C-alpha atoms as a PDB file:
ATOM      1  CA  MET A   1      -6.020  -8.886  37.214  1.00  0.00           C
ATOM      2  CA  THR A   2      -8.494  -6.010  37.190  1.00  0.00           C
ATOM      3  CA  ARG A   3      -8.731  -3.439  34.402  1.00  0.00           C
ATOM      4  CA  VAL A   4      -7.165  -0.791  36.654  1.00  0.00           C
ATOM      5  CA  GLN A   5      -4.264  -3.081  37.529  1.00  0.00           C
ATOM      6  CA  LYS A   6      -3.724  -3.847  33.827  1.00  0.00           C
ATOM      7  CA  TYR A   7      -3.636  -0.130  33.098  1.00  0.00           C
ATOM      8  CA  TYR A   8      -0.924   0.481  35.689  1.00  0.00           C
ATOM      9  CA  VAL A   9       1.090  -2.470  34.413  1.00  0.00           C
ATOM     10  CA  TYR A  10       0.872  -1.066  30.880  1.00  0.00           C
ATOM     11  CA  LEU A  11       1.838   2.402  32.132  1.00  0.00           C
ATOM     12  CA  PHE A  12       4.813   0.947  33.995  1.00  0.00           C
ATOM     13  CA  CYS A  13       5.953  -0.992  30.897  1.00  0.00           C
ATOM     14  CA  SER A  14       5.635   2.122  28.777  1.00  0.00           C
ATOM     15  CA  LEU A  15       7.769   4.121  31.200  1.00  0.00           C
ATOM     16  CA  ILE A  16      10.401   1.402  31.264  1.00  0.00           C
ATOM     17  CA  GLY A  17      10.358   1.231  27.477  1.00  0.00           C
ATOM     18  CA  THR A  18      10.785   4.980  27.241  1.00  0.00           C
ATOM     19  CA  PHE A  19      13.694   4.821  29.653  1.00  0.00           C
ATOM     20  CA  LEU A  20      15.363   2.009  27.729  1.00  0.00           C
ATOM     21  CA  SER A  21      14.989   3.908  24.452  1.00  0.00           C
ATOM     22  CA  GLU A  22      16.337   7.139  25.935  1.00  0.00           C
ATOM     23  CA  ARG A  23      19.309   7.083  23.560  1.00  0.00           C
ATOM     24  CA  ALA A  24      16.998   7.276  20.567  1.00  0.00           C
ATOM     25  CA  LEU A  25      14.929  10.036  22.134  1.00  0.00           C
ATOM     26  CA  TYR A  26      18.025  12.182  22.415  1.00  0.00           C
ATOM     27  CA  GLY A  27      19.059  11.695  18.814  1.00  0.00           C
ATOM     28  CA  GLU A  28      21.253   8.597  19.054  1.00  0.00           C
ATOM     29  CA  ALA A  29      19.305   6.535  16.542  1.00  0.00           C
ATOM     30  CA  VAL A  30      20.181   2.911  15.904  1.00  0.00           C
ATOM     31  CA  PRO A  31      21.234   2.604  12.242  1.00  0.00           C
ATOM     32  CA  VAL A  32      19.965  -0.221  10.029  1.00  0.00           C
ATOM     33  CA  GLY A  33      22.720  -0.309   7.427  1.00  0.00           C
ATOM     34  CA  ASP A  34      22.274   2.451   4.875  1.00  0.00           C
ATOM     35  CA  TYR A  35      18.520   1.891   4.721  1.00  0.00           C
ATOM     36  CA  GLY A  36      17.310   3.806   7.777  1.00  0.00           C
ATOM     37  CA  SER A  37      17.345   4.007  11.563  1.00  0.00           C
ATOM     38  CA  ILE A  38      15.355   2.952  14.617  1.00  0.00           C
ATOM     39  CA  LEU A  39      14.465   6.145  16.474  1.00  0.00           C
ATOM     40  CA  GLN A  40      12.515   4.802  19.438  1.00  0.00           C
ATOM     41  CA  GLU A  41      11.244   1.521  20.866  1.00  0.00           C
ATOM     42  CA  THR A  42       8.448   1.023  23.425  1.00  0.00           C
ATOM     43  CA  PRO A  43       6.631  -2.095  24.704  1.00  0.00           C
ATOM     44  CA  TYR A  44       3.313  -2.863  23.041  1.00  0.00           C
ATOM     45  CA  TYR A  45       0.720  -3.673  25.720  1.00  0.00           C
ATOM     46  CA  PHE A  46       1.345  -6.975  27.530  1.00  0.00           C
ATOM     47  CA  THR A  47       2.688  -9.108  24.697  1.00  0.00           C
ATOM     48  CA  ASN A  48       6.182  -9.866  23.444  1.00  0.00           C
ATOM     49  CA  ALA A  49       5.780  -7.029  20.955  1.00  0.00           C
ATOM     50  CA  PHE A  50       7.373  -3.616  20.612  1.00  0.00           C
ATOM     51  CA  LEU A  51       6.475  -0.480  18.684  1.00  0.00           C
ATOM     52  CA  GLU A  52       9.418   1.095  16.910  1.00  0.00           C
ATOM     53  CA  THR A  53       9.437   4.557  15.395  1.00  0.00           C
ATOM     54  CA  VAL A  54      11.700   4.337  12.360  1.00  0.00           C
ATOM     55  CA  VAL A  55      12.996   6.424   9.482  1.00  0.00           C
ATOM     56  CA  ILE A  56      13.639   4.910   6.060  1.00  0.00           C
ATOM     57  CA  TYR A  57      15.877   6.392   3.375  1.00  0.00           C
ATOM     58  CA  ALA A  58      14.336   6.058  -0.078  1.00  0.00           C
ATOM     59  CA  ARG A  59      15.916   6.938  -3.386  1.00  0.00           C
ATOM     60  CA  GLU A  60      14.534  10.234  -4.677  1.00  0.00           C
ATOM     61  CA  ASP A  61      13.873   9.013  -8.231  1.00  0.00           C
ATOM     62  CA  ALA A  62      15.341   6.974 -11.074  1.00  0.00           C
ATOM     63  CA  SER A  63      17.734   9.721 -12.160  1.00  0.00           C
ATOM     64  CA  SER A  64      19.161  10.535  -8.721  1.00  0.00           C
ATOM     65  CA  VAL A  65      21.104   8.726  -6.005  1.00  0.00           C
ATOM     66  CA  LYS A  66      19.939  11.267  -3.428  1.00  0.00           C
ATOM     67  CA  THR A  67      17.691   9.835  -0.698  1.00  0.00           C
ATOM     68  CA  ILE A  68      14.672  11.241   1.113  1.00  0.00           C
ATOM     69  CA  PRO A  69      13.537  10.257   4.638  1.00  0.00           C
ATOM     70  CA  ARG A  70      10.202   8.496   5.157  1.00  0.00           C
ATOM     71  CA  LYS A  71       8.851   7.988   8.668  1.00  0.00           C
ATOM     72  CA  GLY A  72       7.330   4.679   9.697  1.00  0.00           C
ATOM     73  CA  ILE A  73       6.018   2.624  12.612  1.00  0.00           C
ATOM     74  CA  LEU A  74       7.127  -0.982  13.026  1.00  0.00           C
ATOM     75  CA  LEU A  75       5.207  -3.400  15.230  1.00  0.00           C
ATOM     76  CA  ARG A  76       7.775  -6.059  16.066  1.00  0.00           C
ATOM     77  CA  ASN A  77       6.943  -9.331  17.775  1.00  0.00           C
ATOM     78  CA  LYS A  78       9.626 -11.621  19.169  1.00  0.00           C
ATOM     79  CA  LYS A  79       7.759 -14.730  17.981  1.00  0.00           C
ATOM     80  CA  ALA A  80       6.910 -13.451  14.487  1.00  0.00           C
ATOM     81  CA  LYS A  81       7.894 -15.649  11.556  1.00  0.00           C
ATOM     82  CA  ALA A  82       7.477 -13.048   8.807  1.00  0.00           C
ATOM     83  CA  THR A  83       7.179  -9.312   8.191  1.00  0.00           C
ATOM     84  CA  ILE A  84       4.356  -7.475   6.415  1.00  0.00           C
ATOM     85  CA  ILE A  85       4.795  -4.057   4.804  1.00  0.00           C
ATOM     86  CA  ILE A  86       1.550  -2.092   4.426  1.00  0.00           C
ATOM     87  CA  CYS A  87       1.496   0.336   1.475  1.00  0.00           C
ATOM     88  CA  HIS A  88      -1.242   2.956   1.745  1.00  0.00           C
ATOM     89  CA  GLY A  89      -3.225   4.689  -0.990  1.00  0.00           C
ATOM     90  CA  PHE A  90      -3.405   8.254  -2.257  1.00  0.00           C
ATOM     91  CA  MET A  91      -4.207  10.906   0.393  1.00  0.00           C
ATOM     92  CA  CYS A  92      -3.553   8.501   3.293  1.00  0.00           C
ATOM     93  CA  GLU A  93      -0.874   8.484   5.977  1.00  0.00           C
ATOM     94  CA  LYS A  94       0.700   5.766   8.088  1.00  0.00           C
ATOM     95  CA  GLU A  95      -1.611   6.550  11.014  1.00  0.00           C
ATOM     96  CA  ASP A  96      -4.666   6.198   8.750  1.00  0.00           C
ATOM     97  CA  VAL A  97      -3.824   2.588   7.915  1.00  0.00           C
ATOM     98  CA  ALA A  98      -2.472   1.481  11.301  1.00  0.00           C
ATOM     99  CA  PHE A  99      -5.809  -0.282  11.945  1.00  0.00           C
ATOM    100  CA  LEU A 100      -4.943  -2.720   9.138  1.00  0.00           C
ATOM    101  CA  ARG A 101      -2.498  -4.357  11.538  1.00  0.00           C
ATOM    102  CA  HIS A 102      -5.532  -6.178  12.934  1.00  0.00           C
ATOM    103  CA  LEU A 103      -5.882  -8.104   9.678  1.00  0.00           C
ATOM    104  CA  PHE A 104      -2.847 -10.124  10.716  1.00  0.00           C
ATOM    105  CA  PRO A 105      -2.196 -12.050  13.958  1.00  0.00           C
ATOM    106  CA  LYS A 106       0.388  -9.867  15.711  1.00  0.00           C
ATOM    107  CA  SER A 107       1.965 -12.934  17.302  1.00  0.00           C
ATOM    108  CA  GLN A 108       2.862 -14.236  13.827  1.00  0.00           C
ATOM    109  CA  TYR A 109       3.902 -11.103  11.931  1.00  0.00           C
ATOM    110  CA  ASN A 110       5.967  -7.972  12.260  1.00  0.00           C
ATOM    111  CA  ILE A 111       4.103  -5.119  10.565  1.00  0.00           C
ATOM    112  CA  LEU A 112       5.521  -1.922   9.085  1.00  0.00           C
ATOM    113  CA  VAL A 113       3.440   1.098   8.061  1.00  0.00           C
ATOM    114  CA  PHE A 114       5.133   4.147   6.558  1.00  0.00           C
ATOM    115  CA  ASP A 115       4.401   7.416   4.745  1.00  0.00           C
ATOM    116  CA  PHE A 116       4.777   7.552   0.996  1.00  0.00           C
ATOM    117  CA  ARG A 117       6.510  10.635  -0.378  1.00  0.00           C
ATOM    118  CA  ALA A 118       4.420  13.826  -0.316  1.00  0.00           C
ATOM    119  CA  HIS A 119       2.242  12.211   2.377  1.00  0.00           C
ATOM    120  CA  GLY A 120       2.402  12.345   6.154  1.00  0.00           C
ATOM    121  CA  GLU A 121       5.595  13.648   7.749  1.00  0.00           C
ATOM    122  CA  HIS A 122       8.440  15.325   5.861  1.00  0.00           C
ATOM    123  CA  ARG A 123       6.437  15.982   2.701  1.00  0.00           C
ATOM    124  CA  GLU A 124       8.001  19.347   1.849  1.00  0.00           C
ATOM    125  CA  GLN A 125       9.234  19.740  -1.740  1.00  0.00           C
ATOM    126  CA  GLN A 126       8.111  16.210  -2.603  1.00  0.00           C
ATOM    127  CA  PHE A 127       5.741  15.025  -5.318  1.00  0.00           C
ATOM    128  CA  CYS A 128       3.357  12.095  -5.409  1.00  0.00           C
ATOM    129  CA  THR A 129       3.682  10.189  -8.687  1.00  0.00           C
ATOM    130  CA  PHE A 130       0.857   7.666  -8.012  1.00  0.00           C
ATOM    131  CA  GLY A 131       3.294   4.746  -7.786  1.00  0.00           C
ATOM    132  CA  ARG A 132       6.196   5.480 -10.126  1.00  0.00           C
ATOM    133  CA  ASP A 133       8.678   6.963  -7.646  1.00  0.00           C
ATOM    134  CA  GLU A 134       6.813   5.491  -4.667  1.00  0.00           C
ATOM    135  CA  ALA A 135       8.296   2.201  -5.862  1.00  0.00           C
ATOM    136  CA  TYR A 136      11.596   3.401  -4.390  1.00  0.00           C
ATOM    137  CA  ASP A 137       9.856   3.958  -1.046  1.00  0.00           C
ATOM    138  CA  VAL A 138       8.706   0.331  -1.107  1.00  0.00           C
ATOM    139  CA  ILE A 139      12.159  -0.914  -2.102  1.00  0.00           C
ATOM    140  CA  ALA A 140      13.739   1.042   0.752  1.00  0.00           C
ATOM    141  CA  ALA A 141      11.157  -0.282   3.232  1.00  0.00           C
ATOM    142  CA  ALA A 142      11.810  -3.868   2.123  1.00  0.00           C
ATOM    143  CA  HIS A 143      15.578  -3.551   2.446  1.00  0.00           C
ATOM    144  CA  PHE A 144      15.126  -1.862   5.824  1.00  0.00           C
ATOM    145  CA  VAL A 145      13.193  -4.793   7.317  1.00  0.00           C
ATOM    146  CA  ARG A 146      15.453  -7.362   5.638  1.00  0.00           C
ATOM    147  CA  ASN A 147      18.461  -5.731   7.310  1.00  0.00           C
ATOM    148  CA  HIS A 148      16.799  -4.993  10.651  1.00  0.00           C
ATOM    149  CA  PRO A 149      18.844  -6.812  13.340  1.00  0.00           C
ATOM    150  CA  GLN A 150      15.755  -8.627  14.734  1.00  0.00           C
ATOM    151  CA  LEU A 151      14.046  -9.303  11.387  1.00  0.00           C
ATOM    152  CA  LYS A 152      16.860 -10.650   9.239  1.00  0.00           C
ATOM    153  CA  GLY A 153      16.123 -13.898   7.444  1.00  0.00           C
ATOM    154  CA  LYS A 154      12.343 -13.654   7.812  1.00  0.00           C
ATOM    155  CA  PRO A 155      10.046 -13.648   4.744  1.00  0.00           C
ATOM    156  CA  VAL A 156       8.691 -10.275   3.653  1.00  0.00           C
ATOM    157  CA  PHE A 157       5.107  -9.882   2.419  1.00  0.00           C
ATOM    158  CA  ILE A 158       3.482  -6.742   1.033  1.00  0.00           C
ATOM    159  CA  TYR A 159      -0.108  -5.636   1.490  1.00  0.00           C
ATOM    160  CA  GLY A 160      -0.958  -2.656  -0.716  1.00  0.00           C
ATOM    161  CA  PHE A 161      -4.131  -0.997  -1.881  1.00  0.00           C
ATOM    162  CA  SER A 162      -4.816   1.408  -4.749  1.00  0.00           C
ATOM    163  CA  MET A 163      -1.682   3.528  -5.279  1.00  0.00           C
ATOM    164  CA  GLY A 164       0.128   1.405  -2.699  1.00  0.00           C
ATOM    165  CA  ALA A 165      -0.609  -1.742  -4.693  1.00  0.00           C
ATOM    166  CA  VAL A 166       0.729  -0.102  -7.856  1.00  0.00           C
ATOM    167  CA  ALA A 167       3.886   1.041  -6.040  1.00  0.00           C
ATOM    168  CA  ALA A 168       4.404  -2.535  -4.827  1.00  0.00           C
ATOM    169  CA  ILE A 169       4.092  -3.909  -8.372  1.00  0.00           C
ATOM    170  CA  GLU A 170       6.573  -1.342  -9.684  1.00  0.00           C
ATOM    171  CA  ALA A 171       8.980  -2.059  -6.820  1.00  0.00           C
ATOM    172  CA  GLN A 172       8.906  -5.833  -7.322  1.00  0.00           C
ATOM    173  CA  ALA A 173       9.416  -5.375 -11.065  1.00  0.00           C
ATOM    174  CA  LYS A 174      12.548  -3.296 -10.365  1.00  0.00           C
ATOM    175  CA  ASP A 175      13.940  -5.430  -7.542  1.00  0.00           C
ATOM    176  CA  THR A 176      13.027  -9.096  -7.120  1.00  0.00           C
ATOM    177  CA  ARG A 177      14.325  -9.024  -3.525  1.00  0.00           C
ATOM    178  CA  VAL A 178      11.496  -6.773  -2.355  1.00  0.00           C
ATOM    179  CA  ALA A 179       8.788  -9.299  -1.449  1.00  0.00           C
ATOM    180  CA  ASP A 180       8.220 -13.037  -1.141  1.00  0.00           C
ATOM    181  CA  ALA A 181       4.485 -12.608  -1.843  1.00  0.00           C
ATOM    182  CA  MET A 182       2.046  -9.732  -2.348  1.00  0.00           C
ATOM    183  CA  ILE A 183      -1.588  -8.928  -1.572  1.00  0.00           C
ATOM    184  CA  LEU A 184      -2.772  -6.269  -4.017  1.00  0.00           C
ATOM    185  CA  ASP A 185      -6.165  -4.640  -3.555  1.00  0.00           C
ATOM    186  CA  CYS A 186      -7.623  -2.525  -6.412  1.00  0.00           C
ATOM    187  CA  PRO A 187      -4.479  -1.541  -8.360  1.00  0.00           C
ATOM    188  CA  PHE A 188      -4.994   0.425 -11.589  1.00  0.00           C
ATOM    189  CA  ASP A 189      -3.533  -0.798 -14.893  1.00  0.00           C
ATOM    190  CA  SER A 190      -2.219   2.558 -16.201  1.00  0.00           C
ATOM    191  CA  SER A 191      -2.201   6.216 -15.225  1.00  0.00           C
ATOM    192  CA  GLU A 192      -3.753   7.022 -18.607  1.00  0.00           C
ATOM    193  CA  ASN A 193      -6.833   4.979 -17.766  1.00  0.00           C
ATOM    194  CA  VAL A 194      -7.099   6.600 -14.332  1.00  0.00           C
ATOM    195  CA  ILE A 195      -7.290   9.984 -16.035  1.00  0.00           C
ATOM    196  CA  LYS A 196      -9.793   8.743 -18.628  1.00  0.00           C
ATOM    197  CA  LYS A 197     -11.980   7.245 -15.918  1.00  0.00           C
ATOM    198  CA  GLY A 198     -11.866  10.500 -13.974  1.00  0.00           C
ATOM    199  CA  LEU A 199     -12.785  12.558 -17.011  1.00  0.00           C
ATOM    200  CA  GLU A 200     -15.695  10.308 -18.015  1.00  0.00           C
ATOM    201  CA  ARG A 201     -18.063  12.402 -15.914  1.00  0.00           C
ATOM    202  CA  LEU A 202     -16.977  15.615 -17.587  1.00  0.00           C
ATOM    203  CA  LYS A 203     -20.309  16.227 -19.323  1.00  0.00           C
ATOM    204  CA  VAL A 204     -22.941  18.935 -19.573  1.00  0.00           C
ATOM    205  CA  SER A 205     -26.697  18.341 -19.467  1.00  0.00           C
ATOM    206  CA  ILE A 206     -28.995  20.323 -21.776  1.00  0.00           C
ATOM    207  CA  PHE A 207     -32.749  19.645 -21.792  1.00  0.00           C
ATOM    208  CA  GLY A 208     -32.160  16.218 -20.303  1.00  0.00           C
ATOM    209  CA  TYR A 209     -29.481  15.253 -22.818  1.00  0.00           C
ATOM    210  CA  GLU A 210     -25.835  14.802 -21.825  1.00  0.00           C
ATOM    211  CA  PHE A 211     -22.995  16.036 -24.020  1.00  0.00           C
ATOM    212  CA  GLU A 212     -19.244  15.756 -23.656  1.00  0.00           C
ATOM    213  CA  ILE A 213     -17.440  18.948 -22.706  1.00  0.00           C
ATOM    214  CA  PRO A 214     -15.353  20.216 -25.653  1.00  0.00           C
ATOM    215  CA  GLY A 215     -11.669  19.635 -25.045  1.00  0.00           C
ATOM    216  CA  LYS A 216     -11.993  16.453 -22.992  1.00  0.00           C
ATOM    217  CA  ARG A 217     -10.094  14.391 -25.554  1.00  0.00           C
ATOM    218  CA  TRP A 218      -7.445  17.076 -25.671  1.00  0.00           C
ATOM    219  CA  LEU A 219      -7.037  16.878 -21.895  1.00  0.00           C
ATOM    220  CA  GLU A 220      -6.647  13.109 -22.093  1.00  0.00           C
ATOM    221  CA  ARG A 221      -4.074  13.314 -24.888  1.00  0.00           C
ATOM    222  CA  TYR A 222      -1.867  15.929 -23.236  1.00  0.00           C
ATOM    223  CA  ALA A 223      -2.533  15.117 -19.572  1.00  0.00           C
ATOM    224  CA  PHE A 224       1.149  14.446 -18.861  1.00  0.00           C
ATOM    225  CA  HIS A 225       2.319  17.767 -20.254  1.00  0.00           C
ATOM    226  CA  PRO A 226       3.438  20.047 -17.375  1.00  0.00           C
ATOM    227  CA  TYR A 227       1.376  22.995 -18.652  1.00  0.00           C
ATOM    228  CA  VAL A 228      -1.791  20.923 -18.943  1.00  0.00           C
ATOM    229  CA  GLN A 229      -1.529  19.125 -15.607  1.00  0.00           C
ATOM    230  CA  ALA A 230      -2.832  22.071 -13.580  1.00  0.00           C
ATOM    231  CA  MET A 231      -6.083  21.995 -15.574  1.00  0.00           C
ATOM    232  CA  VAL A 232      -6.330  18.201 -15.358  1.00  0.00           C
ATOM    233  CA  LYS A 233      -5.930  18.329 -11.572  1.00  0.00           C
ATOM    234  CA  VAL A 234      -8.738  20.859 -11.239  1.00  0.00           C
ATOM    235  CA  VAL A 235     -11.043  18.690 -13.347  1.00  0.00           C
ATOM    236  CA  LEU A 236     -10.159  15.511 -11.435  1.00  0.00           C
ATOM    237  CA  LYS A 237     -10.875  17.238  -8.136  1.00  0.00           C
ATOM    238  CA  THR A 238     -14.218  18.643  -9.294  1.00  0.00           C
ATOM    239  CA  VAL A 239     -15.514  15.681 -11.283  1.00  0.00           C
ATOM    240  CA  ALA A 240     -13.808  12.576  -9.890  1.00  0.00           C
ATOM    241  CA  HIS A 241     -13.340  13.850  -6.319  1.00  0.00           C
ATOM    242  CA  LEU A 242      -9.603  13.191  -6.614  1.00  0.00           C
ATOM    243  CA  ASP A 243      -8.355  16.053  -4.455  1.00  0.00           C
ATOM    244  CA  THR A 244      -4.736  16.821  -5.347  1.00  0.00           C
ATOM    245  CA  GLN A 245      -4.745  20.211  -3.645  1.00  0.00           C
ATOM    246  CA  ASN A 246      -3.138  19.124  -0.380  1.00  0.00           C
ATOM    247  CA  ILE A 247      -0.829  16.573  -1.996  1.00  0.00           C
ATOM    248  CA  GLN A 248       1.812  17.820  -4.416  1.00  0.00           C
ATOM    249  CA  THR A 249       1.382  15.598  -7.463  1.00  0.00           C
ATOM    250  CA  ASN A 250       3.151  14.844 -10.707  1.00  0.00           C
ATOM    251  CA  ILE A 251       0.933  12.836 -13.035  1.00  0.00           C
ATOM    252  CA  CYS A 252       3.247  10.794 -15.233  1.00  0.00           C
ATOM    253  CA  PRO A 253       3.036   7.788 -17.570  1.00  0.00           C
ATOM    254  CA  LEU A 254       2.796   4.580 -15.560  1.00  0.00           C
ATOM    255  CA  TYR A 255       1.881   1.074 -16.718  1.00  0.00           C
ATOM    256  CA  PRO A 256       1.546  -1.512 -13.918  1.00  0.00           C
ATOM    257  CA  SER A 257      -0.087  -3.871 -16.417  1.00  0.00           C
ATOM    258  CA  GLU A 258       3.312  -4.132 -18.129  1.00  0.00           C
ATOM    259  CA  SER A 259       5.424  -4.121 -14.967  1.00  0.00           C
ATOM    260  CA  ILE A 260       3.451  -7.040 -13.494  1.00  0.00           C
ATOM    261  CA  LYS A 261       4.861  -9.265 -16.241  1.00  0.00           C
ATOM    262  CA  LYS A 262       8.194  -9.158 -14.406  1.00  0.00           C
ATOM    263  CA  VAL A 263       6.629 -10.270 -11.116  1.00  0.00           C
ATOM    264  CA  THR A 264       6.965 -13.972 -10.337  1.00  0.00           C
ATOM    265  CA  VAL A 265       6.186 -14.108  -6.592  1.00  0.00           C
ATOM    266  CA  PRO A 266       2.738 -15.335  -5.456  1.00  0.00           C
ATOM    267  CA  CYS A 267       0.113 -12.591  -5.814  1.00  0.00           C
ATOM    268  CA  PHE A 268      -3.378 -12.327  -4.355  1.00  0.00           C
ATOM    269  CA  PHE A 269      -5.425  -9.699  -6.212  1.00  0.00           C
ATOM    270  CA  ILE A 270      -8.627  -8.301  -4.696  1.00  0.00           C
ATOM    271  CA  HIS A 271     -11.130  -6.013  -6.374  1.00  0.00           C
ATOM    272  CA  CYS A 272     -14.686  -4.688  -5.934  1.00  0.00           C
ATOM    273  CA  LYS A 273     -16.934  -5.301  -8.901  1.00  0.00           C
ATOM    274  CA  ASN A 274     -18.551  -1.901  -8.215  1.00  0.00           C
ATOM    275  CA  ASP A 275     -15.312   0.104  -8.035  1.00  0.00           C
ATOM    276  CA  GLU A 276     -16.065   3.547  -9.485  1.00  0.00           C
ATOM    277  CA  LYS A 277     -12.407   4.582  -9.887  1.00  0.00           C
ATOM    278  CA  VAL A 278     -10.733   1.428 -11.207  1.00  0.00           C
ATOM    279  CA  PRO A 279     -12.794  -0.783 -13.568  1.00  0.00           C
ATOM    280  CA  LEU A 280     -12.777  -4.529 -13.001  1.00  0.00           C
ATOM    281  CA  GLY A 281     -11.208  -4.961 -16.437  1.00  0.00           C
ATOM    282  CA  SER A 282      -8.134  -3.044 -15.291  1.00  0.00           C
ATOM    283  CA  VAL A 283      -7.418  -5.471 -12.457  1.00  0.00           C
ATOM    284  CA  LYS A 284      -8.129  -8.455 -14.705  1.00  0.00           C
ATOM    285  CA  THR A 285      -5.503  -7.139 -17.125  1.00  0.00           C
ATOM    286  CA  ILE A 286      -2.940  -6.942 -14.321  1.00  0.00           C
ATOM    287  CA  TYR A 287      -3.921 -10.381 -13.032  1.00  0.00           C
ATOM    288  CA  GLN A 288      -3.486 -11.930 -16.475  1.00  0.00           C
ATOM    289  CA  GLY A 289      -0.006 -10.429 -16.764  1.00  0.00           C
ATOM    290  CA  ALA A 290       1.326 -11.914 -13.518  1.00  0.00           C
ATOM    291  CA  THR A 291       3.556 -14.891 -14.241  1.00  0.00           C
ATOM    292  CA  GLY A 292       3.652 -16.727 -10.894  1.00  0.00           C
ATOM    293  CA  TYR A 293       1.052 -18.238  -8.588  1.00  0.00           C
ATOM    294  CA  LYS A 294      -1.951 -15.927  -8.604  1.00  0.00           C
ATOM    295  CA  ARG A 295      -5.469 -15.544  -7.318  1.00  0.00           C
ATOM    296  CA  LEU A 296      -8.099 -12.928  -8.171  1.00  0.00           C
ATOM    297  CA  TRP A 297     -10.940 -12.446  -5.723  1.00  0.00           C
ATOM    298  CA  ILE A 298     -13.822 -10.314  -7.073  1.00  0.00           C
ATOM    299  CA  THR A 299     -15.982  -9.046  -4.227  1.00  0.00           C
ATOM    300  CA  LYS A 300     -19.349  -7.333  -3.899  1.00  0.00           C
ATOM    301  CA  GLY A 301     -17.764  -4.169  -2.514  1.00  0.00           C
ATOM    302  CA  ARG A 302     -19.694  -0.973  -3.112  1.00  0.00           C
ATOM    303  CA  ARG A 303     -16.882   1.347  -4.185  1.00  0.00           C
ATOM    304  CA  HIS A 304     -13.129   1.775  -4.507  1.00  0.00           C
ATOM    305  CA  TYR A 305     -11.255  -0.236  -1.850  1.00  0.00           C
ATOM    306  CA  ASP A 306     -14.411  -1.480  -0.175  1.00  0.00           C
ATOM    307  CA  SER A 307     -13.837  -5.234  -0.105  1.00  0.00           C
ATOM    308  CA  PHE A 308     -12.526  -5.054   3.451  1.00  0.00           C
ATOM    309  CA  PHE A 309     -15.233  -2.734   4.759  1.00  0.00           C
ATOM    310  CA  SER A 310     -18.116  -4.600   3.130  1.00  0.00           C
ATOM    311  CA  ASN A 311     -17.102  -7.997   4.561  1.00  0.00           C
ATOM    312  CA  PRO A 312     -14.197  -7.669   7.036  1.00  0.00           C
ATOM    313  CA  GLU A 313     -14.559 -11.188   8.437  1.00  0.00           C
ATOM    314  CA  LYS A 314     -14.196 -12.924   5.076  1.00  0.00           C
ATOM    315  CA  TYR A 315     -11.512 -10.470   3.979  1.00  0.00           C
ATOM    316  CA  LYS A 316      -9.397 -11.351   7.000  1.00  0.00           C
ATOM    317  CA  ILE A 317      -9.870 -15.099   6.467  1.00  0.00           C
ATOM    318  CA  GLU A 318      -8.924 -14.983   2.767  1.00  0.00           C
ATOM    319  CA  ILE A 319      -5.782 -12.955   3.388  1.00  0.00           C
ATOM    320  CA  ARG A 320      -4.616 -15.101   6.278  1.00  0.00           C
ATOM    321  CA  GLU A 321      -5.189 -18.325   4.338  1.00  0.00           C
ATOM    322  CA  PHE A 322      -3.176 -16.999   1.409  1.00  0.00           C
ATOM    323  CA  LEU A 323      -0.218 -16.092   3.633  1.00  0.00           C
ATOM    324  CA  GLU A 324      -0.379 -19.416   5.459  1.00  0.00           C
ATOM    325  CA  LYS A 325      -0.244 -21.314   2.163  1.00  0.00           C
ATOM    326  CA  VAL A 326       2.724 -19.255   1.035  1.00  0.00           C
ATOM    327  CA  GLN A 327       4.594 -19.963   4.246  1.00  0.00           C
ATOM    328  CA  ASP A 328       3.898 -23.691   4.452  1.00  0.00           C
ATOM    329  CA  GLY A 329       4.563 -24.163   0.724  1.00  0.00           C
ATOM    330  CA  SER A 330       1.180 -25.747  -0.011  1.00  0.00           C
ATOM    331  CA  ILE A 331       0.500 -23.320  -2.886  1.00  0.00           C
ATOM    332  CA  VAL A 332       2.776 -25.410  -5.127  1.00  0.00           C
ATOM    333  CA  LYS A 333       0.179 -28.199  -4.943  1.00  0.00           C
ATOM    334  CA  GLU A 334      -2.695 -25.941  -6.030  1.00  0.00           C
ATOM    335  CA  GLU A 335      -3.822 -24.512  -9.336  1.00  0.00           C
ATOM    336  CA  GLN A 336      -1.392 -21.760 -10.231  1.00  0.00           C
ATOM    337  CA  GLU A 337      -4.135 -19.365 -11.289  1.00  0.00           C
ATOM    338  CA  LYS A 338      -7.753 -19.005 -10.301  1.00  0.00           C
ATOM    339  CA  VAL A 339     -10.494 -16.346 -10.317  1.00  0.00           C
ATOM    340  CA  ILE A 340     -12.983 -16.381  -7.444  1.00  0.00           C
ATOM    341  CA  GLU A 341     -16.110 -14.238  -7.640  1.00  0.00           C
ATOM    342  CA  ASP A 342     -18.611 -13.610  -4.865  1.00  0.00           C
ATOM    343  CA  VAL A 343     -22.149 -14.386  -5.960  1.00  0.00           C
ATOM    344  CA  ASP A 344     -24.961 -11.929  -5.277  1.00  0.00           C
ATOM    345  CA  ASP A 345     -27.500 -13.261  -2.804  1.00  0.00           C
ATOM    346  CA  LYS A 346     -30.782 -12.978  -4.732  1.00  0.00           C
ATOM    347  CA  THR A 347     -32.820 -13.875  -1.651  1.00  0.00           C
ATOM    348  CA  LEU A 348     -32.000 -10.515  -0.016  1.00  0.00           C
END
């Protein structure tokens, strides 16, 4: 079949898919329990896969039963044996991380990407809490796929990076039904340390000597106070390049290093030794707190969340092997904890 013929076949399948999903296009969404709805379904190229546009209803926060809608895209494959939920980082959207679907063989996994609160679609009057309330987004996403008519009974795995990894930890600590295993790339150990790390560069240089800006310790101490947060956000944007201007934020106390102690599912931690935002010690603290099967892979990445970009081939292999071992049960025969560190090639 020529490339032109393939294009017309794909176009025909897309038109048929649009026709078949006409109900959803005109507002007759297919409900998935109380957890969300399937809005539209279209064929995905020439495979047995479909792309579904979905909406997920997440709890607003710990003190409210009100829900907020989060939009998502689900790649569903008829032959898939498990489902992966991708949890993005701060200042990302579902479309930004859609390329991560290629980390996983689409014939083996269903893959869901969605917008965290205050990100992507429907962000009005919402606040990003760097993982605290985003945990409810993850919980809602997990229950959505577990109750999806075509996905019921399949294992659920989470892949999260940065804020997404923290949200996954918090979600699993609150609800053990969220995931059967997790891949967590560069999570931070506490919001306090994120602020301290961001304020480290708040210095002034006089005649070649660097001095701390007066008031830095005060900013650290009262960073969670509502009247101080505006100043902290300005400093973080200027010094640490953490731009909170376009994302409504609420910096609040958060301690993933404590929450991880409630997590018993297999966890694969990944971190760059040169991460400028989250120190290696932070991830080691989280790793040590995990109580189930765990692996920590320390890479030669150049910056925050760079393990994938610095060596995508090895990154893909390591992740796939971890998931395969979880699914075939072979992890019970291995060491329950292990740290793996990439060695610098001194010949280069």
